[in-house]
Amino acid sequence: MPVNQLSPTTASTETQTLDFDIAIVGGGIVGATLASALKDSGLKIAIIETQLPAVAAAKKQAYAITLLSGMILEGIGVWQQILPQITTFEQISLCDGDYPGVVEFHRPDLGNTGKLPVPKTALGYVGEHRVMLSALHECLAKNPNFSWVCPAEVVEVKYLTNCAEIEVKQHGETSTIRTKLLVAADGSRSRIRTEANISTRGWKYWQSCVAITIKAEKPHNDIAFERFWPSGPMGVLPLPGNRCQVVWTAPHAEAKALQQMDEKEFLTLLEQRTGGLLGRLELESDRFLFPVQLMQSDRYVLPRLALIGDAAHCCHPVGGQGLNMGIRDAGAIAQILQQAHQKGEDIGDLRVLKRYHNWRKKENLIVLGFTDFLDRLFSNTWLPIVAFRRFGLWCLRTIPPVRFLALRLMTGLMGRPPELAQN
């Protein structure tokens, strides 16, 4: 795949004179979405990434993609390449373990979506990392104002009055990049955020997640479902080829045991936990274990600096909202930066960046609270709580306004959509 990548022979000389309007640290889906969203802005953009693009795209993972995220990617111009390679689901199913009161959501439950170009039948999508990031990389390769700086490591950042100076180590040599704005898209352990002394609030959960890809005997029928167990929620997302991405949440010791369990024993237990709906199962991937946390940065911006995606916030994986929050961040800040640039404003000025902070921090807080509430409500065996949540499921099944609000939140349609999503 062709990329505008700095060669080893020019790293120590060219990068010293490279000046960018925006330098994005982190070339994952969120960072690449922001760079792609700005392709027609006239701004000169670089992504600083520790891995080569092909290596980063090879990650084996899949994500729930909300309707709004799909609209943002369509506005960027990459969705038509992505959509044929991913799964569109038209039903969401929720249940409390083996309790028979299953809640099913369908497209009519969304009601009137106003001016947003919402698909007529879809409720969401499931996309593999490789498919999504490769499409974004191809988009970036066509942009003459875009450059890769990779594989490279940020050594130090100095925030000056009119620019940020980023000291970068690449191919064993150190150079300096000057940019109007530095955007941190470098994940939950963001070094950029930490060294800028931006504090965070939140907590680590008592749970970890086991993520796997499985092959099912019975058809998944393009249904996304979430089963809530006292130990934690289990999300099952449909993939092409009658495969599924499973995210199984359990207390740390139990999750570790699930990862190390004999494969046959593990699959037998998984077949039980999925209620036999998928028949006999086969593993299609290793069992990946990761802890979960809730985190919200006290601020998303400083002069010459903005945080997006997991660098700004993290949530429990229940509901599959994490990546979607980051895509929405990227769409929002791209809109603000492009509008500011068109007006001749300094895109690294704090007054400009606060527009992004004020827009996205409050909306993200709602999603963080929603996912935390769901996990605590269902990961519980106290009888009053059990009775309360089953009453809540009854409300979701029978009261249209409750169904409408819950589904709007799950599909990303609650709140202010970026203009990219309205094209």
Protein backbone atom coordinates (compact mmCIF):
# COMPACT_ATOMS: atom_id res chain seq x y z
CA MET A 1 0.00 0.00 0.00
CA PRO A 2 1.59 3.31 -1.02
CA VAL A 3 2.07 5.82 1.77
CA ASN A 4 3.71 9.21 2.02
CA GLN A 5 6.29 7.86 4.45
CA LEU A 6 9.59 9.49 5.37
CA SER A 7 12.47 7.30 4.24
CA PRO A 8 15.36 6.30 6.56
CA THR A 9 17.80 8.34 4.51
CA THR A 10 15.86 11.58 4.88
CA ALA A 11 14.62 11.25 8.45
CA SER A 12 17.39 13.28 10.07
CA THR A 13 17.33 16.11 7.54
CA GLU A 14 13.81 16.44 6.15
CA THR A 15 11.93 16.17 9.42
CA GLN A 16 13.87 19.08 10.86
CA THR A 17 12.26 21.35 8.27
CA LEU A 18 8.82 19.70 8.22
CA ASP A 19 6.11 21.97 9.51
CA PHE A 20 2.56 20.67 9.87
CA ASP A 21 -0.69 22.29 10.77
CA ILE A 22 -1.70 19.17 12.72
CA ALA A 23 0.41 16.30 14.03
CA ILE A 24 -1.58 13.30 15.29
CA VAL A 25 0.20 10.94 17.65
CA GLY A 26 -1.37 7.53 17.13
CA GLY A 27 -2.38 6.01 13.82
CA GLY A 28 -5.17 3.70 14.95
CA ILE A 29 -8.75 3.97 13.69
CA VAL A 30 -9.51 7.16 15.63
CA GLY A 31 -6.33 8.99 14.61
CA ALA A 32 -6.71 7.87 10.98
CA THR A 33 -10.38 8.92 11.00
CA LEU A 34 -9.42 12.45 12.05
CA ALA A 35 -6.70 12.71 9.40
CA SER A 36 -9.09 11.38 6.74
CA ALA A 37 -11.88 13.74 7.83
CA LEU A 38 -9.54 16.67 7.15
CA LYS A 39 -8.45 15.51 3.69
CA ASP A 40 -10.18 18.40 1.91
CA SER A 41 -9.36 21.06 4.49
CA GLY A 42 -6.10 22.25 2.96
CA LEU A 43 -4.36 21.62 6.28
CA LYS A 44 -1.01 19.84 6.26
CA ILE A 45 -1.28 16.78 8.48
CA ALA A 46 1.07 14.11 9.82
CA ILE A 47 0.48 10.94 11.81
CA ILE A 48 3.30 9.91 14.14
CA GLU A 49 3.02 6.18 14.75
CA THR A 50 5.24 3.54 16.35
CA GLN A 51 4.22 0.86 13.81
CA LEU A 52 4.24 0.70 10.04
CA PRO A 53 0.70 1.05 8.57
CA ALA A 54 0.57 -2.56 7.37
CA VAL A 55 1.54 -3.85 10.82
CA ALA A 56 -1.04 -1.64 12.58
CA ALA A 57 -3.80 -2.83 10.23
CA ALA A 58 -3.06 -6.51 10.93
CA LYS A 59 -4.50 -6.39 14.45
CA LYS A 60 -7.11 -9.13 14.98
CA GLN A 61 -10.09 -7.41 16.55
CA ALA A 62 -13.64 -6.44 15.65
CA TYR A 63 -15.85 -3.63 16.87
CA ALA A 64 -19.50 -2.70 17.12
CA ILE A 65 -20.01 0.29 14.85
CA THR A 66 -22.98 2.56 15.55
CA LEU A 67 -25.21 4.07 12.91
CA LEU A 68 -23.70 7.50 13.57
CA SER A 69 -20.14 6.20 13.14
CA GLY A 70 -21.17 4.68 9.82
CA MET A 71 -22.56 8.07 8.73
CA ILE A 72 -19.33 9.83 9.76
CA LEU A 73 -17.25 7.33 7.77
CA GLU A 74 -19.62 7.75 4.83
CA GLY A 75 -19.16 11.51 5.02
CA ILE A 76 -15.40 11.00 4.89
CA GLY A 77 -15.77 8.84 1.78
CA VAL A 78 -14.53 5.45 3.02
CA TRP A 79 -17.81 3.77 3.97
CA GLN A 80 -18.60 2.32 0.55
CA GLN A 81 -15.31 0.47 0.67
CA ILE A 82 -15.90 -0.77 4.24
CA LEU A 83 -19.59 -1.70 4.13
CA PRO A 84 -19.40 -4.72 1.75
CA GLN A 85 -16.75 -6.32 3.98
CA ILE A 86 -18.54 -6.04 7.32
CA THR A 87 -21.80 -7.23 8.89
CA THR A 88 -24.94 -5.11 9.12
CA PHE A 89 -27.27 -6.17 11.91
CA GLU A 90 -30.98 -5.43 11.95
CA GLN A 91 -31.80 -6.70 15.42
CA ILE A 92 -30.35 -6.19 18.91
CA SER A 93 -31.27 -8.71 21.57
CA LEU A 94 -30.79 -8.19 25.32
CA CYS A 95 -31.45 -10.69 28.09
CA ASP A 96 -30.71 -11.19 31.78
CA GLY A 97 -28.89 -14.54 31.79
CA ASP A 98 -31.44 -17.35 31.40
CA TYR A 99 -34.38 -15.13 32.34
CA PRO A 100 -37.01 -15.52 29.58
CA GLY A 101 -37.88 -11.82 29.25
CA VAL A 102 -35.77 -11.07 26.16
CA VAL A 103 -35.78 -7.52 24.76
CA GLU A 104 -35.55 -7.23 20.98
CA PHE A 105 -34.91 -3.95 19.17
CA HIS A 106 -35.74 -3.41 15.50
CA ARG A 107 -35.36 -0.46 13.14
CA PRO A 108 -38.94 0.93 13.63
CA ASP A 109 -38.13 1.41 17.34
CA LEU A 110 -35.87 4.34 16.33
CA GLY A 111 -38.83 6.35 15.12
CA ASN A 112 -38.27 9.57 13.21
CA THR A 113 -34.56 10.39 12.90
CA GLY A 114 -35.02 13.84 11.40
CA LYS A 115 -32.52 14.99 8.76
CA LEU A 116 -29.95 12.28 9.51
CA PRO A 117 -29.54 9.85 6.58
CA VAL A 118 -30.20 6.75 8.72
CA PRO A 119 -30.39 3.41 6.80
CA LYS A 120 -33.93 2.04 6.56
CA THR A 121 -33.30 -1.34 8.19
CA ALA A 122 -29.90 -1.29 9.91
CA LEU A 123 -29.36 -0.86 13.66
CA GLY A 124 -25.58 -1.08 13.52
CA TYR A 125 -22.57 -2.84 12.10
CA VAL A 126 -19.67 -5.04 13.13
CA GLY A 127 -16.35 -4.20 11.49
CA GLU A 128 -12.99 -5.90 11.71
CA HIS A 129 -9.99 -3.74 12.53
CA ARG A 130 -8.15 -4.74 9.36
CA VAL A 131 -11.02 -3.74 7.08
CA MET A 132 -11.61 -0.36 8.67
CA LEU A 133 -8.02 0.77 9.10
CA SER A 134 -6.98 -0.37 5.61
CA ALA A 135 -9.77 1.71 4.06
CA LEU A 136 -8.69 4.77 6.04
CA HIS A 137 -5.05 4.20 5.05
CA GLU A 138 -6.00 4.10 1.37
CA CYS A 139 -7.88 7.36 1.81
CA LEU A 140 -4.84 8.98 3.40
CA ALA A 141 -2.53 7.73 0.66
CA LYS A 142 -4.48 9.86 -1.85
CA ASN A 143 -4.03 13.07 0.18
CA PRO A 144 -0.96 15.10 -0.96
CA ASN A 145 -1.14 17.13 2.27
CA PHE A 146 -0.69 14.05 4.46
CA SER A 147 2.52 12.37 5.68
CA TRP A 148 3.36 9.34 7.79
CA VAL A 149 6.16 9.68 10.32
CA CYS A 150 6.67 6.03 11.21
CA PRO A 151 7.89 3.91 12.75
CA ALA A 152 8.70 6.71 15.16
CA GLU A 153 8.54 7.49 18.85
CA VAL A 154 7.78 10.83 20.48
CA VAL A 155 10.64 11.68 22.85
CA GLU A 156 9.52 15.06 24.13
CA VAL A 157 6.99 17.81 23.40
CA LYS A 158 7.45 21.52 24.03
CA TYR A 159 4.38 23.74 23.88
CA LEU A 160 5.32 27.21 22.69
CA THR A 161 3.19 30.29 22.09
CA ASN A 162 2.71 29.75 18.37
CA CYS A 163 3.45 26.03 17.92
CA ALA A 164 4.27 22.71 19.53
CA GLU A 165 7.74 21.27 18.99
CA ILE A 166 7.78 17.46 18.92
CA GLU A 167 11.09 15.68 19.33
CA VAL A 168 10.82 12.43 17.41
CA LYS A 169 13.14 9.42 17.32
CA GLN A 170 13.02 7.66 13.98
CA HIS A 171 15.42 5.08 12.55
CA GLY A 172 17.77 5.69 15.47
CA GLU A 173 18.02 9.44 14.87
CA THR A 174 16.28 12.33 16.60
CA SER A 175 14.64 15.27 14.87
CA THR A 176 12.11 17.98 15.63
CA ILE A 177 8.70 18.54 14.07
CA ARG A 178 6.91 21.86 14.50
CA THR A 179 3.11 21.94 14.33
CA LYS A 180 0.30 24.34 15.09
CA LEU A 181 -1.63 21.61 16.91
CA LEU A 182 -0.76 18.27 18.46
CA VAL A 183 -3.61 15.75 18.72
CA ALA A 184 -3.11 12.82 21.09
CA ALA A 185 -4.78 9.65 19.81
CA ASP A 186 -2.32 7.37 21.58
CA GLY A 187 -4.70 5.32 23.71
CA SER A 188 -5.75 5.00 27.33
CA ARG A 189 -2.16 5.09 28.60
CA SER A 190 -1.49 8.23 26.60
CA ARG A 191 2.01 9.46 27.21
CA ILE A 192 1.11 12.80 25.63
CA ARG A 193 -1.74 13.29 28.13
CA THR A 194 0.41 12.25 31.11
CA GLU A 195 3.35 14.49 30.24
CA ALA A 196 0.98 17.42 29.67
CA ASN A 197 -0.13 16.92 33.31
CA ILE A 198 -3.78 16.41 32.38
CA SER A 199 -5.33 14.48 35.24
CA THR A 200 -8.04 11.87 34.89
CA ARG A 201 -10.91 10.57 37.00
CA GLY A 202 -12.37 7.10 37.09
CA TRP A 203 -11.66 3.59 38.31
CA LYS A 204 -10.59 0.15 37.27
CA TYR A 205 -13.33 -2.46 37.33
CA TRP A 206 -13.19 -5.72 39.23
CA GLN A 207 -13.57 -7.41 35.86
CA SER A 208 -11.51 -8.32 32.82
CA CYS A 209 -12.68 -9.26 29.35
CA VAL A 210 -11.86 -12.27 27.21
CA ALA A 211 -12.18 -11.39 23.52
CA ILE A 212 -12.38 -14.17 20.92
CA THR A 213 -13.60 -14.87 17.42
CA ILE A 214 -15.67 -18.02 16.97
CA LYS A 215 -17.19 -19.98 14.09
CA ALA A 216 -20.83 -20.96 14.73
CA GLU A 217 -22.68 -24.07 13.62
CA LYS A 218 -26.05 -22.31 13.41
CA PRO A 219 -26.56 -19.05 11.49
CA HIS A 220 -26.23 -15.90 13.58
CA ASN A 221 -28.89 -14.25 11.36
CA ASP A 222 -27.08 -10.89 11.65
CA ILE A 223 -28.32 -10.43 15.22
CA ALA A 224 -26.18 -8.64 17.81
CA PHE A 225 -26.95 -9.77 21.33
CA GLU A 226 -25.85 -9.09 24.86
CA ARG A 227 -26.39 -11.56 27.69
CA PHE A 228 -26.01 -10.19 31.18
CA TRP A 229 -24.70 -12.60 33.80
CA PRO A 230 -23.99 -11.89 37.49
CA SER A 231 -20.27 -12.21 36.71
CA GLY A 232 -20.51 -9.70 33.88
CA PRO A 233 -22.01 -9.05 30.45
CA MET A 234 -21.28 -11.11 27.34
CA GLY A 235 -21.54 -9.39 23.97
CA VAL A 236 -21.84 -11.47 20.79
CA LEU A 237 -21.40 -9.59 17.53
CA PRO A 238 -22.05 -11.15 14.09
CA LEU A 239 -19.22 -11.26 11.56
CA PRO A 240 -19.11 -12.32 7.89
CA GLY A 241 -18.73 -16.04 7.23
CA ASN A 242 -21.03 -16.97 10.13
CA ARG A 243 -18.34 -15.97 12.61
CA CYS A 244 -18.90 -13.96 15.79
CA GLN A 245 -16.81 -11.68 17.95
CA VAL A 246 -17.40 -12.50 21.61
CA VAL A 247 -16.46 -10.22 24.50
CA TRP A 248 -16.91 -12.19 27.73
CA THR A 249 -16.65 -10.13 30.93
CA ALA A 250 -15.89 -11.80 34.27
CA PRO A 251 -14.05 -11.05 37.53
CA HIS A 252 -10.27 -10.99 37.02
CA ALA A 253 -9.48 -14.47 38.35
CA GLU A 254 -12.40 -16.05 36.47
CA ALA A 255 -11.45 -14.28 33.24
CA LYS A 256 -7.86 -15.47 33.58
CA ALA A 257 -9.13 -19.02 34.13
CA LEU A 258 -11.30 -18.74 31.00
CA GLN A 259 -8.27 -17.70 28.99
CA GLN A 260 -6.23 -20.66 30.23
CA MET A 261 -9.02 -23.26 30.21
CA ASP A 262 -8.81 -26.32 27.99
CA GLU A 263 -10.24 -25.40 24.59
CA LYS A 264 -12.94 -28.09 24.56
CA GLU A 265 -14.06 -27.22 28.09
CA PHE A 266 -14.07 -23.52 27.21
CA LEU A 267 -16.21 -24.04 24.11
CA THR A 268 -18.67 -26.22 26.02
CA LEU A 269 -19.11 -23.48 28.61
CA LEU A 270 -19.43 -20.82 25.90
CA GLU A 271 -22.13 -22.86 24.15
CA GLN A 272 -24.05 -22.94 27.43
CA ARG A 273 -23.61 -19.20 28.03
CA THR A 274 -24.91 -18.39 24.55
CA GLY A 275 -27.99 -20.51 25.27
CA GLY A 276 -27.30 -22.91 22.42
CA LEU A 277 -28.46 -20.24 19.95
CA LEU A 278 -25.33 -20.68 17.83
CA GLY A 279 -25.01 -24.45 18.12
CA ARG A 280 -21.56 -26.00 18.32
CA LEU A 281 -18.73 -23.48 18.31
CA GLU A 282 -15.15 -23.45 17.06
CA LEU A 283 -12.38 -21.04 18.04
CA GLU A 284 -11.16 -18.84 15.20
CA SER A 285 -8.66 -16.82 17.25
CA ASP A 286 -6.62 -16.86 20.42
CA ARG A 287 -8.30 -15.79 23.64
CA PHE A 288 -7.19 -12.22 24.37
CA LEU A 289 -7.47 -10.93 27.93
CA PHE A 290 -7.70 -7.26 28.84
CA PRO A 291 -8.75 -5.38 32.00
CA VAL A 292 -11.43 -2.70 31.78
CA GLN A 293 -11.69 0.74 33.28
CA LEU A 294 -13.75 3.90 33.29
CA MET A 295 -11.73 7.05 32.71
CA GLN A 296 -12.55 10.65 31.89
CA SER A 297 -9.87 13.30 31.43
CA ASP A 298 -10.42 16.47 33.42
CA ARG A 299 -9.90 18.43 30.23
CA TYR A 300 -9.67 17.45 26.59
CA VAL A 301 -7.62 20.47 25.49
CA LEU A 302 -4.75 22.76 26.36
CA PRO A 303 -3.12 25.40 24.15
CA ARG A 304 -1.69 23.49 21.13
CA LEU A 305 -3.01 20.15 22.40
CA ALA A 306 -6.22 18.11 22.04
CA LEU A 307 -7.06 14.60 23.24
CA ILE A 308 -9.33 12.26 21.29
CA GLY A 309 -10.50 8.67 21.68
CA ASP A 310 -9.12 6.55 24.49
CA ALA A 311 -6.54 9.22 25.27
CA ALA A 312 -9.46 11.36 26.50
CA HIS A 313 -11.84 8.71 27.91
CA CYS A 314 -12.42 4.97 28.36
CA CYS A 315 -15.57 3.03 29.16
CA HIS A 316 -16.68 -0.49 29.98
CA PRO A 317 -17.10 -2.52 26.74
CA VAL A 318 -20.76 -3.30 27.52
CA GLY A 319 -22.80 -1.86 24.65
CA GLY A 320 -19.76 -1.53 22.36
CA GLN A 321 -19.48 2.25 22.69
CA GLY A 322 -15.72 2.80 23.13
CA LEU A 323 -14.47 3.11 19.54
CA ASN A 324 -17.64 4.94 18.51
CA MET A 325 -16.98 7.67 21.06
CA GLY A 326 -13.54 8.14 19.50
CA ILE A 327 -14.90 8.26 15.93
CA ARG A 328 -17.40 10.87 17.07
CA ASP A 329 -14.58 12.85 18.73
CA ALA A 330 -12.70 12.78 15.42
CA GLY A 331 -15.74 13.99 13.47
CA ALA A 332 -16.40 16.79 15.95
CA ILE A 333 -12.87 18.16 16.18
CA ALA A 334 -12.40 17.89 12.40
CA GLN A 335 -15.47 20.09 11.92
CA ILE A 336 -14.25 22.68 14.44
CA LEU A 337 -10.71 22.80 13.05
CA GLN A 338 -11.86 23.10 9.45
CA GLN A 339 -14.30 25.88 10.28
CA ALA A 340 -11.64 27.73 12.30
CA HIS A 341 -9.13 27.39 9.47
CA GLN A 342 -11.64 28.76 6.95
CA LYS A 343 -12.19 31.79 9.19
CA GLY A 344 -8.44 32.41 9.51
CA GLU A 345 -8.36 31.46 13.19
CA ASP A 346 -5.38 29.81 14.86
CA ILE A 347 -6.37 26.12 15.12
CA GLY A 348 -4.10 25.61 18.13
CA ASP A 349 -5.60 28.48 20.11
CA LEU A 350 -7.34 27.41 23.30
CA ARG A 351 -10.48 29.38 22.42
CA VAL A 352 -10.91 27.27 19.28
CA LEU A 353 -10.11 23.99 21.01
CA LYS A 354 -12.56 24.66 23.85
CA ARG A 355 -15.38 24.36 21.32
CA TYR A 356 -14.42 20.71 20.94
CA HIS A 357 -14.04 20.21 24.71
CA ASN A 358 -17.44 21.74 25.45
CA TRP A 359 -19.12 19.68 22.75
CA ARG A 360 -17.69 16.24 23.40
CA LYS A 361 -16.87 16.02 27.11
CA LYS A 362 -20.51 16.28 28.24
CA GLU A 363 -21.77 13.84 25.61
CA ASN A 364 -19.04 11.34 26.45
CA LEU A 365 -19.91 11.60 30.14
CA ILE A 366 -23.46 10.41 29.37
CA VAL A 367 -22.12 7.31 27.61
CA LEU A 368 -19.63 6.63 30.41
CA GLY A 369 -22.43 6.82 32.95
CA PHE A 370 -24.72 4.62 30.84
CA THR A 371 -22.16 1.82 30.44
CA ASP A 372 -21.17 1.95 34.11
CA PHE A 373 -24.82 1.79 35.18
CA LEU A 374 -25.50 -1.22 32.94
CA ASP A 375 -22.51 -3.16 34.23
CA ARG A 376 -23.27 -2.50 37.90
CA LEU A 377 -26.99 -3.12 37.47
CA PHE A 378 -26.61 -6.53 35.84
CA SER A 379 -23.39 -7.76 37.52
CA ASN A 380 -25.35 -8.16 40.73
CA THR A 381 -27.27 -10.87 42.59
CA TRP A 382 -28.90 -8.71 45.28
CA LEU A 383 -32.63 -9.48 44.94
CA PRO A 384 -33.92 -5.86 45.01
CA ILE A 385 -31.49 -5.02 42.20
CA VAL A 386 -32.50 -8.14 40.26
CA ALA A 387 -36.16 -7.15 40.59
CA PHE A 388 -35.40 -3.57 39.54
CA ARG A 389 -33.47 -4.55 36.42
CA ARG A 390 -36.12 -7.03 35.32
CA PHE A 391 -38.69 -4.28 35.71
CA GLY A 392 -36.38 -2.16 33.52
CA LEU A 393 -36.32 -4.90 30.88
CA TRP A 394 -40.11 -5.03 31.01
CA CYS A 395 -40.18 -1.27 30.38
CA LEU A 396 -37.84 -1.71 27.40
CA ARG A 397 -40.10 -4.41 25.98
CA THR A 398 -43.42 -2.64 26.43
CA ILE A 399 -43.02 1.17 26.62
CA PRO A 400 -42.16 2.73 23.22
CA PRO A 401 -40.61 6.00 24.54
CA VAL A 402 -38.23 4.00 26.76
CA ARG A 403 -37.27 1.78 23.82
CA PHE A 404 -36.78 4.87 21.67
CA LEU A 405 -34.44 6.63 24.11
CA ALA A 406 -32.38 3.51 24.85
CA LEU A 407 -31.95 2.72 21.17
CA ARG A 408 -31.05 6.31 20.29
CA LEU A 409 -28.24 6.11 22.83
CA MET A 410 -27.05 2.69 21.64
CA THR A 411 -26.97 3.76 17.98
CA GLY A 412 -25.17 7.05 18.64
CA LEU A 413 -28.10 9.20 17.52
CA MET A 414 -28.53 11.03 20.81
CA GLY A 415 -26.69 14.32 21.02
CA ARG A 416 -25.20 16.64 18.42
CA PRO A 417 -23.98 14.86 15.28
CA PRO A 418 -20.95 16.17 13.36
CA GLU A 419 -21.75 17.73 9.99
CA LEU A 420 -19.92 14.87 8.27
CA ALA A 421 -22.74 12.58 9.37
CA GLN A 422 -25.40 14.82 7.83
CA ASN A 423 -24.08 14.82 4.25
